[in-house]
Amino acid sequence: SSILLKTRIFARTKPEQKLRITTLLQKLGMVVGVTGDGVNDALALKKADVGVSMGKTGTDVAKEASDIILADDNFATLIKAIEEGRIIYKNIVNAILYLISGNLAKILLVFLATFFNLPLPLLPTQILWINLITDSIPALALATGSRDGSVLSKKPRDPKSHLLDFKRLFIIGFIGLALAEFMLFYYVNLLETYSVEQARTSVFNGLIYLHLLIVIGFGWHSIKKGNLFLIGTIIFIFLLQIFVTHNPFFQEVLHLEL
């Protein structure tokens, strides 16, 4: 095992030796990727965490034993695939953090208002509108983030790590609680001056606009890269909410009052 950590190249290795090298590296806690094209690579390809065979020159045995087949036999494609995979993972994490933190804010807001015997700050139809418009579309836009070359400079993710680790759970809890407390304080102050319907309308709009700020926060790098889908989504929802608030039909359906 100690020799493996000091040696960069092994030449003229036999199939069983390749298998042994792969096995020992895995026992050292490493994630092992093996590339190959021949029958003698099959054992190591099968044992590796990720086996990569050549699509053009590779044998059928090697292809069957591998997890990934390089269609163009170009190792540079592996780099692009790793970069794309990390970008996809990062975008999925951003979308999940946004969705859970936003929904947690709504749940806490309604719970706290009920706990303090306040009128409901959001009606069912308003919550449904928020779920349909400000949850689904922005989350989809966040999941289609732009390319980020910086992901390759970061250390590989621990395969044993959880999608929602302590750091991400803290972010979700902080955003959800902060948003709920702010909107509750805002709602209580509005009730002192305006009617319940007017205060509820203001909270409804404020919560949506704050959702858009969260989207901008999670997708800031993608926005700087010129992700037109994400930028267009933010602008569209902003303008749509203004239209809905001032349109008599939607005012009746969503119980809005200016």
C-alpha atoms as a PDB file:
ATOM      1  CA  SER A   1       0.000   0.000   0.000  1.00  0.00           C
ATOM      2  CA  SER A   2       2.809   2.426   0.825  1.00  0.00           C
ATOM      3  CA  ILE A   3       4.355   1.816  -2.608  1.00  0.00           C
ATOM      4  CA  LEU A   4       1.132   2.875  -4.334  1.00  0.00           C
ATOM      5  CA  LEU A   5       1.210   6.304  -2.718  1.00  0.00           C
ATOM      6  CA  LYS A   6       4.759   6.922  -3.955  1.00  0.00           C
ATOM      7  CA  THR A   7       4.448   5.501  -7.479  1.00  0.00           C
ATOM      8  CA  ARG A   8       2.876   7.350 -10.407  1.00  0.00           C
ATOM      9  CA  ILE A   9       3.293   4.774 -13.203  1.00  0.00           C
ATOM     10  CA  PHE A  10       3.116   0.977 -13.347  1.00  0.00           C
ATOM     11  CA  ALA A  11       4.185  -0.521 -16.689  1.00  0.00           C
ATOM     12  CA  ARG A  12       3.554  -3.947 -18.240  1.00  0.00           C
ATOM     13  CA  THR A  13       0.992  -4.865 -15.602  1.00  0.00           C
ATOM     14  CA  LYS A  14      -1.032  -8.056 -15.835  1.00  0.00           C
ATOM     15  CA  PRO A  15      -4.846  -8.156 -15.457  1.00  0.00           C
ATOM     16  CA  GLU A  16      -4.622  -9.492 -11.898  1.00  0.00           C
ATOM     17  CA  GLN A  17      -2.072  -6.777 -11.015  1.00  0.00           C
ATOM     18  CA  LYS A  18      -4.379  -4.054 -12.325  1.00  0.00           C
ATOM     19  CA  LEU A  19      -7.156  -5.532 -10.229  1.00  0.00           C
ATOM     20  CA  ARG A  20      -4.928  -5.618  -7.158  1.00  0.00           C
ATOM     21  CA  ILE A  21      -3.835  -1.982  -7.623  1.00  0.00           C
ATOM     22  CA  THR A  22      -7.473  -0.918  -7.952  1.00  0.00           C
ATOM     23  CA  THR A  23      -8.496  -2.906  -4.869  1.00  0.00           C
ATOM     24  CA  LEU A  24      -5.661  -1.557  -2.719  1.00  0.00           C
ATOM     25  CA  LEU A  25      -6.423   2.049  -3.702  1.00  0.00           C
ATOM     26  CA  GLN A  26     -10.039   1.535  -2.711  1.00  0.00           C
ATOM     27  CA  LYS A  27      -8.969   0.097   0.637  1.00  0.00           C
ATOM     28  CA  LEU A  28      -6.973   3.292   1.180  1.00  0.00           C
ATOM     29  CA  GLY A  29     -10.260   5.193   0.941  1.00  0.00           C
ATOM     30  CA  MET A  30      -9.817   6.519  -2.580  1.00  0.00           C
ATOM     31  CA  VAL A  31     -12.431   6.724  -5.311  1.00  0.00           C
ATOM     32  CA  VAL A  32     -10.849   4.862  -8.213  1.00  0.00           C
ATOM     33  CA  GLY A  33     -11.480   5.439 -11.901  1.00  0.00           C
ATOM     34  CA  VAL A  34     -10.040   3.021 -14.453  1.00  0.00           C
ATOM     35  CA  THR A  35      -9.810   3.505 -18.221  1.00  0.00           C
ATOM     36  CA  GLY A  36      -9.154   0.683 -20.630  1.00  0.00           C
ATOM     37  CA  ASP A  37      -9.939  -0.818 -24.010  1.00  0.00           C
ATOM     38  CA  GLY A  38      -8.840  -4.461 -23.905  1.00  0.00           C
ATOM     39  CA  VAL A  39      -9.829  -7.778 -22.388  1.00  0.00           C
ATOM     40  CA  ASN A  40      -6.963  -7.491 -19.889  1.00  0.00           C
ATOM     41  CA  ASP A  41      -8.563  -4.328 -18.456  1.00  0.00           C
ATOM     42  CA  ALA A  42     -11.944  -5.924 -17.774  1.00  0.00           C
ATOM     43  CA  LEU A  43     -11.260  -7.011 -14.184  1.00  0.00           C
ATOM     44  CA  ALA A  44     -10.019  -3.575 -13.115  1.00  0.00           C
ATOM     45  CA  LEU A  45     -12.830  -1.836 -15.031  1.00  0.00           C
ATOM     46  CA  LYS A  46     -15.424  -3.921 -13.203  1.00  0.00           C
ATOM     47  CA  LYS A  47     -13.834  -3.440  -9.778  1.00  0.00           C
ATOM     48  CA  ALA A  48     -13.300   0.325 -10.106  1.00  0.00           C
ATOM     49  CA  ASP A  49     -15.787   2.843  -8.741  1.00  0.00           C
ATOM     50  CA  VAL A  50     -16.005   4.223 -12.268  1.00  0.00           C
ATOM     51  CA  GLY A  51     -14.879   2.113 -15.203  1.00  0.00           C
ATOM     52  CA  VAL A  52     -14.364   3.953 -18.508  1.00  0.00           C
ATOM     53  CA  SER A  53     -13.870   2.073 -21.758  1.00  0.00           C
ATOM     54  CA  MET A  54     -13.131   3.268 -25.278  1.00  0.00           C
ATOM     55  CA  GLY A  55     -16.070   3.296 -27.670  1.00  0.00           C
ATOM     56  CA  LYS A  56     -14.158   3.023 -30.943  1.00  0.00           C
ATOM     57  CA  THR A  57     -11.171   0.824 -30.159  1.00  0.00           C
ATOM     58  CA  GLY A  58     -12.494  -0.911 -27.041  1.00  0.00           C
ATOM     59  CA  THR A  59     -13.404  -4.578 -27.009  1.00  0.00           C
ATOM     60  CA  ASP A  60     -16.911  -5.778 -26.231  1.00  0.00           C
ATOM     61  CA  VAL A  61     -15.667  -7.300 -22.974  1.00  0.00           C
ATOM     62  CA  ALA A  62     -14.230  -3.959 -21.830  1.00  0.00           C
ATOM     63  CA  LYS A  63     -17.424  -2.136 -22.744  1.00  0.00           C
ATOM     64  CA  GLU A  64     -19.571  -4.643 -20.836  1.00  0.00           C
ATOM     65  CA  ALA A  65     -17.397  -4.314 -17.723  1.00  0.00           C
ATOM     66  CA  SER A  66     -17.297  -0.498 -17.722  1.00  0.00           C
ATOM     67  CA  ASP A  67     -19.739   2.073 -16.386  1.00  0.00           C
ATOM     68  CA  ILE A  68     -19.017   4.722 -19.017  1.00  0.00           C
ATOM     69  CA  ILE A  69     -18.090   4.362 -22.690  1.00  0.00           C
ATOM     70  CA  LEU A  70     -16.148   7.171 -24.392  1.00  0.00           C
ATOM     71  CA  ALA A  71     -17.745   7.410 -27.817  1.00  0.00           C
ATOM     72  CA  ASP A  72     -14.880   9.477 -29.267  1.00  0.00           C
ATOM     73  CA  ASP A  73     -11.998   7.746 -27.382  1.00  0.00           C
ATOM     74  CA  ASN A  74     -10.867  11.225 -26.272  1.00  0.00           C
ATOM     75  CA  PHE A  75      -9.696  11.605 -22.679  1.00  0.00           C
ATOM     76  CA  ALA A  76     -10.521  15.321 -22.842  1.00  0.00           C
ATOM     77  CA  THR A  77     -14.172  14.271 -22.935  1.00  0.00           C
ATOM     78  CA  LEU A  78     -13.757  12.909 -19.407  1.00  0.00           C
ATOM     79  CA  ILE A  79     -12.789  16.358 -18.155  1.00  0.00           C
ATOM     80  CA  LYS A  80     -15.839  17.904 -19.802  1.00  0.00           C
ATOM     81  CA  ALA A  81     -18.057  15.185 -18.338  1.00  0.00           C
ATOM     82  CA  ILE A  82     -16.693  15.729 -14.829  1.00  0.00           C
ATOM     83  CA  GLU A  83     -17.187  19.482 -15.163  1.00  0.00           C
ATOM     84  CA  GLU A  84     -20.749  19.025 -16.414  1.00  0.00           C
ATOM     85  CA  GLY A  85     -21.521  16.586 -13.618  1.00  0.00           C
ATOM     86  CA  ARG A  86     -20.289  18.976 -10.936  1.00  0.00           C
ATOM     87  CA  ILE A  87     -22.255  21.852 -12.458  1.00  0.00           C
ATOM     88  CA  ILE A  88     -25.437  19.744 -12.532  1.00  0.00           C
ATOM     89  CA  TYR A  89     -24.923  18.713  -8.898  1.00  0.00           C
ATOM     90  CA  LYS A  90     -24.342  22.322  -7.850  1.00  0.00           C
ATOM     91  CA  ASN A  91     -27.469  23.501  -9.689  1.00  0.00           C
ATOM     92  CA  ILE A  92     -29.585  20.754  -8.126  1.00  0.00           C
ATOM     93  CA  VAL A  93     -28.337  21.731  -4.661  1.00  0.00           C
ATOM     94  CA  ASN A  94     -29.202  25.400  -5.306  1.00  0.00           C
ATOM     95  CA  ALA A  95     -32.692  24.465  -6.498  1.00  0.00           C
ATOM     96  CA  ILE A  96     -33.300  22.238  -3.457  1.00  0.00           C
ATOM     97  CA  LEU A  97     -32.036  24.892  -1.018  1.00  0.00           C
ATOM     98  CA  TYR A  98     -34.302  27.478  -2.627  1.00  0.00           C
ATOM     99  CA  LEU A  99     -37.395  25.264  -2.615  1.00  0.00           C
ATOM    100  CA  ILE A 100     -37.048  24.007   0.963  1.00  0.00           C
ATOM    101  CA  SER A 101     -36.092  27.379   2.468  1.00  0.00           C
ATOM    102  CA  GLY A 102     -38.955  29.145   0.676  1.00  0.00           C
ATOM    103  CA  ASN A 103     -41.543  26.567   1.741  1.00  0.00           C
ATOM    104  CA  LEU A 104     -40.194  26.557   5.281  1.00  0.00           C
ATOM    105  CA  ALA A 105     -40.697  30.327   5.400  1.00  0.00           C
ATOM    106  CA  LYS A 106     -44.361  29.969   4.387  1.00  0.00           C
ATOM    107  CA  ILE A 107     -44.993  27.197   6.915  1.00  0.00           C
ATOM    108  CA  LEU A 108     -43.374  29.136   9.763  1.00  0.00           C
ATOM    109  CA  LEU A 109     -45.171  32.342   8.824  1.00  0.00           C
ATOM    110  CA  VAL A 110     -48.609  30.692   8.977  1.00  0.00           C
ATOM    111  CA  PHE A 111     -47.672  28.743  12.117  1.00  0.00           C
ATOM    112  CA  LEU A 112     -46.400  31.804  13.980  1.00  0.00           C
ATOM    113  CA  ALA A 113     -49.425  33.873  12.975  1.00  0.00           C
ATOM    114  CA  THR A 114     -51.739  31.132  14.230  1.00  0.00           C
ATOM    115  CA  PHE A 115     -49.709  30.778  17.422  1.00  0.00           C
ATOM    116  CA  PHE A 116     -50.101  34.502  18.197  1.00  0.00           C
ATOM    117  CA  ASN A 117     -53.838  34.431  17.301  1.00  0.00           C
ATOM    118  CA  LEU A 118     -53.403  36.654  14.264  1.00  0.00           C
ATOM    119  CA  PRO A 119     -55.545  36.477  11.117  1.00  0.00           C
ATOM    120  CA  LEU A 120     -54.063  34.179   8.507  1.00  0.00           C
ATOM    121  CA  PRO A 121     -51.354  36.103   6.631  1.00  0.00           C
ATOM    122  CA  LEU A 122     -51.868  33.929   3.531  1.00  0.00           C
ATOM    123  CA  LEU A 123     -54.969  32.251   2.152  1.00  0.00           C
ATOM    124  CA  PRO A 124     -54.907  28.778   0.515  1.00  0.00           C
ATOM    125  CA  THR A 125     -55.314  30.226  -2.995  1.00  0.00           C
ATOM    126  CA  GLN A 126     -52.412  32.616  -2.394  1.00  0.00           C
ATOM    127  CA  ILE A 127     -50.186  29.806  -1.121  1.00  0.00           C
ATOM    128  CA  LEU A 128     -51.128  27.766  -4.198  1.00  0.00           C
ATOM    129  CA  TRP A 129     -50.173  30.701  -6.446  1.00  0.00           C
ATOM    130  CA  ILE A 130     -46.806  31.034  -4.724  1.00  0.00           C
ATOM    131  CA  ASN A 131     -46.169  27.304  -5.122  1.00  0.00           C
ATOM    132  CA  LEU A 132     -47.096  27.342  -8.793  1.00  0.00           C
ATOM    133  CA  ILE A 133     -45.290  30.510  -9.841  1.00  0.00           C
ATOM    134  CA  THR A 134     -42.446  31.381  -7.501  1.00  0.00           C
ATOM    135  CA  ASP A 135     -41.445  27.826  -6.559  1.00  0.00           C
ATOM    136  CA  SER A 136     -41.556  25.732  -9.709  1.00  0.00           C
ATOM    137  CA  ILE A 137     -40.311  28.109 -12.428  1.00  0.00           C
ATOM    138  CA  PRO A 138     -37.355  29.660 -10.519  1.00  0.00           C
ATOM    139  CA  ALA A 139     -36.284  26.222  -9.263  1.00  0.00           C
ATOM    140  CA  LEU A 140     -36.246  24.978 -12.845  1.00  0.00           C
ATOM    141  CA  ALA A 141     -34.219  28.020 -13.883  1.00  0.00           C
ATOM    142  CA  LEU A 142     -31.725  27.439 -11.066  1.00  0.00           C
ATOM    143  CA  ALA A 143     -31.334  23.820 -12.193  1.00  0.00           C
ATOM    144  CA  THR A 144     -30.228  25.003 -15.651  1.00  0.00           C
ATOM    145  CA  GLY A 145     -27.324  27.127 -14.457  1.00  0.00           C
ATOM    146  CA  SER A 146     -24.543  28.246 -16.771  1.00  0.00           C
ATOM    147  CA  ARG A 147     -21.151  26.573 -17.119  1.00  0.00           C
ATOM    148  CA  ASP A 148     -18.754  27.231 -14.257  1.00  0.00           C
ATOM    149  CA  GLY A 149     -15.108  26.425 -14.904  1.00  0.00           C
ATOM    150  CA  SER A 150     -14.237  27.018 -11.250  1.00  0.00           C
ATOM    151  CA  VAL A 151     -15.839  23.707 -10.220  1.00  0.00           C
ATOM    152  CA  LEU A 152     -12.803  21.815 -11.517  1.00  0.00           C
ATOM    153  CA  SER A 153     -10.482  23.709  -9.174  1.00  0.00           C
ATOM    154  CA  LYS A 154     -12.387  22.478  -6.123  1.00  0.00           C
ATOM    155  CA  LYS A 155     -11.734  19.225  -4.304  1.00  0.00           C
ATOM    156  CA  PRO A 156     -13.895  16.229  -5.239  1.00  0.00           C
ATOM    157  CA  ARG A 157     -17.006  15.744  -3.168  1.00  0.00           C
ATOM    158  CA  ASP A 158     -16.904  13.016  -0.573  1.00  0.00           C
ATOM    159  CA  PRO A 159     -19.169  10.235  -1.941  1.00  0.00           C
ATOM    160  CA  LYS A 160     -20.309   9.505   1.623  1.00  0.00           C
ATOM    161  CA  SER A 161     -21.468  13.070   2.211  1.00  0.00           C
ATOM    162  CA  HIS A 162     -25.199  13.777   2.353  1.00  0.00           C
ATOM    163  CA  LEU A 163     -26.999  16.085  -0.029  1.00  0.00           C
ATOM    164  CA  LEU A 164     -28.423  18.008   2.918  1.00  0.00           C
ATOM    165  CA  ASP A 165     -25.487  18.223   5.287  1.00  0.00           C
ATOM    166  CA  PHE A 166     -25.321  20.395   8.419  1.00  0.00           C
ATOM    167  CA  LYS A 167     -24.143  23.485   6.519  1.00  0.00           C
ATOM    168  CA  ARG A 168     -26.974  23.321   3.994  1.00  0.00           C
ATOM    169  CA  LEU A 169     -29.566  22.558   6.666  1.00  0.00           C
ATOM    170  CA  PHE A 170     -28.332  25.607   8.575  1.00  0.00           C
ATOM    171  CA  ILE A 171     -28.724  27.764   5.458  1.00  0.00           C
ATOM    172  CA  ILE A 172     -32.271  26.454   4.940  1.00  0.00           C
ATOM    173  CA  GLY A 173     -33.207  27.036   8.576  1.00  0.00           C
ATOM    174  CA  PHE A 174     -31.657  30.500   8.691  1.00  0.00           C
ATOM    175  CA  ILE A 175     -33.346  31.714   5.499  1.00  0.00           C
ATOM    176  CA  GLY A 176     -36.705  30.165   6.376  1.00  0.00           C
ATOM    177  CA  LEU A 177     -36.772  31.506   9.932  1.00  0.00           C
ATOM    178  CA  ALA A 178     -35.447  34.958   9.032  1.00  0.00           C
ATOM    179  CA  LEU A 179     -37.955  35.334   6.203  1.00  0.00           C
ATOM    180  CA  ALA A 180     -40.869  34.178   8.355  1.00  0.00           C
ATOM    181  CA  GLU A 181     -39.983  36.463  11.272  1.00  0.00           C
ATOM    182  CA  PHE A 182     -39.504  39.477   9.001  1.00  0.00           C
ATOM    183  CA  MET A 183     -42.821  38.939   7.215  1.00  0.00           C
ATOM    184  CA  LEU A 184     -44.634  38.356  10.515  1.00  0.00           C
ATOM    185  CA  PHE A 185     -43.253  41.590  11.955  1.00  0.00           C
ATOM    186  CA  TYR A 186     -44.216  43.364   8.720  1.00  0.00           C
ATOM    187  CA  TYR A 187     -47.726  41.853   8.870  1.00  0.00           C
ATOM    188  CA  VAL A 188     -48.313  42.891  12.498  1.00  0.00           C
ATOM    189  CA  ASN A 189     -47.327  46.473  11.714  1.00  0.00           C
ATOM    190  CA  LEU A 190     -49.608  46.566   8.669  1.00  0.00           C
ATOM    191  CA  LEU A 191     -52.583  45.370  10.714  1.00  0.00           C
ATOM    192  CA  GLU A 192     -52.293  48.461  12.899  1.00  0.00           C
ATOM    193  CA  THR A 193     -53.011  50.757   9.942  1.00  0.00           C
ATOM    194  CA  TYR A 194     -54.678  48.735   7.168  1.00  0.00           C
ATOM    195  CA  SER A 195     -57.423  46.132   6.868  1.00  0.00           C
ATOM    196  CA  VAL A 196     -56.674  42.425   7.064  1.00  0.00           C
ATOM    197  CA  GLU A 197     -57.191  42.050   3.304  1.00  0.00           C
ATOM    198  CA  GLN A 198     -54.801  44.889   2.494  1.00  0.00           C
ATOM    199  CA  ALA A 199     -52.183  43.619   4.942  1.00  0.00           C
ATOM    200  CA  ARG A 200     -52.532  40.101   3.522  1.00  0.00           C
ATOM    201  CA  THR A 201     -52.082  41.434  -0.028  1.00  0.00           C
ATOM    202  CA  SER A 202     -48.929  43.258   0.987  1.00  0.00           C
ATOM    203  CA  VAL A 203     -47.525  40.151   2.685  1.00  0.00           C
ATOM    204  CA  PHE A 204     -48.438  38.068  -0.355  1.00  0.00           C
ATOM    205  CA  ASN A 205     -46.516  40.376  -2.682  1.00  0.00           C
ATOM    206  CA  GLY A 206     -43.644  40.895  -0.260  1.00  0.00           C
ATOM    207  CA  LEU A 207     -43.114  37.162   0.147  1.00  0.00           C
ATOM    208  CA  ILE A 208     -42.950  36.659  -3.616  1.00  0.00           C
ATOM    209  CA  TYR A 209     -40.465  39.496  -4.112  1.00  0.00           C
ATOM    210  CA  LEU A 210     -38.315  38.132  -1.283  1.00  0.00           C
ATOM    211  CA  HIS A 211     -38.419  34.749  -3.008  1.00  0.00           C
ATOM    212  CA  LEU A 212     -36.980  36.429  -6.087  1.00  0.00           C
ATOM    213  CA  LEU A 213     -34.156  37.873  -3.972  1.00  0.00           C
ATOM    214  CA  ILE A 214     -33.365  34.357  -2.744  1.00  0.00           C
ATOM    215  CA  VAL A 215     -33.295  33.161  -6.355  1.00  0.00           C
ATOM    216  CA  ILE A 216     -30.851  35.933  -7.228  1.00  0.00           C
ATOM    217  CA  GLY A 217     -28.688  34.975  -4.253  1.00  0.00           C
ATOM    218  CA  PHE A 218     -28.480  31.291  -5.136  1.00  0.00           C
ATOM    219  CA  GLY A 219     -28.143  31.924  -8.859  1.00  0.00           C
ATOM    220  CA  TRP A 220     -25.889  34.994  -8.760  1.00  0.00           C
ATOM    221  CA  HIS A 221     -22.966  33.271 -10.451  1.00  0.00           C
ATOM    222  CA  SER A 222     -25.267  31.979 -13.171  1.00  0.00           C
ATOM    223  CA  ILE A 223     -26.737  35.455 -13.650  1.00  0.00           C
ATOM    224  CA  LYS A 224     -23.252  36.932 -14.046  1.00  0.00           C
ATOM    225  CA  LYS A 225     -22.572  34.284 -16.686  1.00  0.00           C
ATOM    226  CA  GLY A 226     -25.616  35.507 -18.616  1.00  0.00           C
ATOM    227  CA  ASN A 227     -28.159  32.764 -17.938  1.00  0.00           C
ATOM    228  CA  LEU A 228     -31.022  34.267 -19.935  1.00  0.00           C
ATOM    229  CA  PHE A 229     -33.518  31.687 -18.690  1.00  0.00           C
ATOM    230  CA  LEU A 230     -32.885  32.621 -15.063  1.00  0.00           C
ATOM    231  CA  ILE A 231     -32.789  36.366 -15.753  1.00  0.00           C
ATOM    232  CA  GLY A 232     -35.957  36.146 -17.847  1.00  0.00           C
ATOM    233  CA  THR A 233     -37.715  34.124 -15.139  1.00  0.00           C
ATOM    234  CA  ILE A 234     -36.988  36.728 -12.475  1.00  0.00           C
ATOM    235  CA  ILE A 235     -38.191  39.601 -14.680  1.00  0.00           C
ATOM    236  CA  PHE A 236     -41.260  37.655 -15.807  1.00  0.00           C
ATOM    237  CA  ILE A 237     -42.399  36.812 -12.263  1.00  0.00           C
ATOM    238  CA  PHE A 238     -41.761  40.383 -11.088  1.00  0.00           C
ATOM    239  CA  LEU A 239     -43.912  41.857 -13.877  1.00  0.00           C
ATOM    240  CA  LEU A 240     -46.530  39.102 -13.591  1.00  0.00           C
ATOM    241  CA  GLN A 241     -47.005  39.835  -9.906  1.00  0.00           C
ATOM    242  CA  ILE A 242     -47.561  43.526 -10.592  1.00  0.00           C
ATOM    243  CA  PHE A 243     -50.153  42.620 -13.231  1.00  0.00           C
ATOM    244  CA  VAL A 244     -51.912  40.102 -10.965  1.00  0.00           C
ATOM    245  CA  THR A 245     -52.084  42.563  -8.073  1.00  0.00           C
ATOM    246  CA  HIS A 246     -53.789  45.242 -10.181  1.00  0.00           C
ATOM    247  CA  ASN A 247     -56.000  43.002 -12.354  1.00  0.00           C
ATOM    248  CA  PRO A 248     -59.644  42.823 -11.157  1.00  0.00           C
ATOM    249  CA  PHE A 249     -60.026  39.156 -12.134  1.00  0.00           C
ATOM    250  CA  PHE A 250     -56.973  38.008 -10.178  1.00  0.00           C
ATOM    251  CA  GLN A 251     -57.875  40.316  -7.308  1.00  0.00           C
ATOM    252  CA  GLU A 252     -61.130  38.407  -6.938  1.00  0.00           C
ATOM    253  CA  VAL A 253     -59.611  34.949  -7.380  1.00  0.00           C
ATOM    254  CA  LEU A 254     -56.683  35.551  -5.028  1.00  0.00           C
ATOM    255  CA  HIS A 255     -58.651  37.789  -2.610  1.00  0.00           C
ATOM    256  CA  LEU A 256     -56.362  40.783  -3.073  1.00  0.00           C
ATOM    257  CA  GLU A 257     -57.175  44.319  -1.997  1.00  0.00           C
ATOM    258  CA  LEU A 258     -55.113  47.454  -2.560  1.00  0.00           C
END
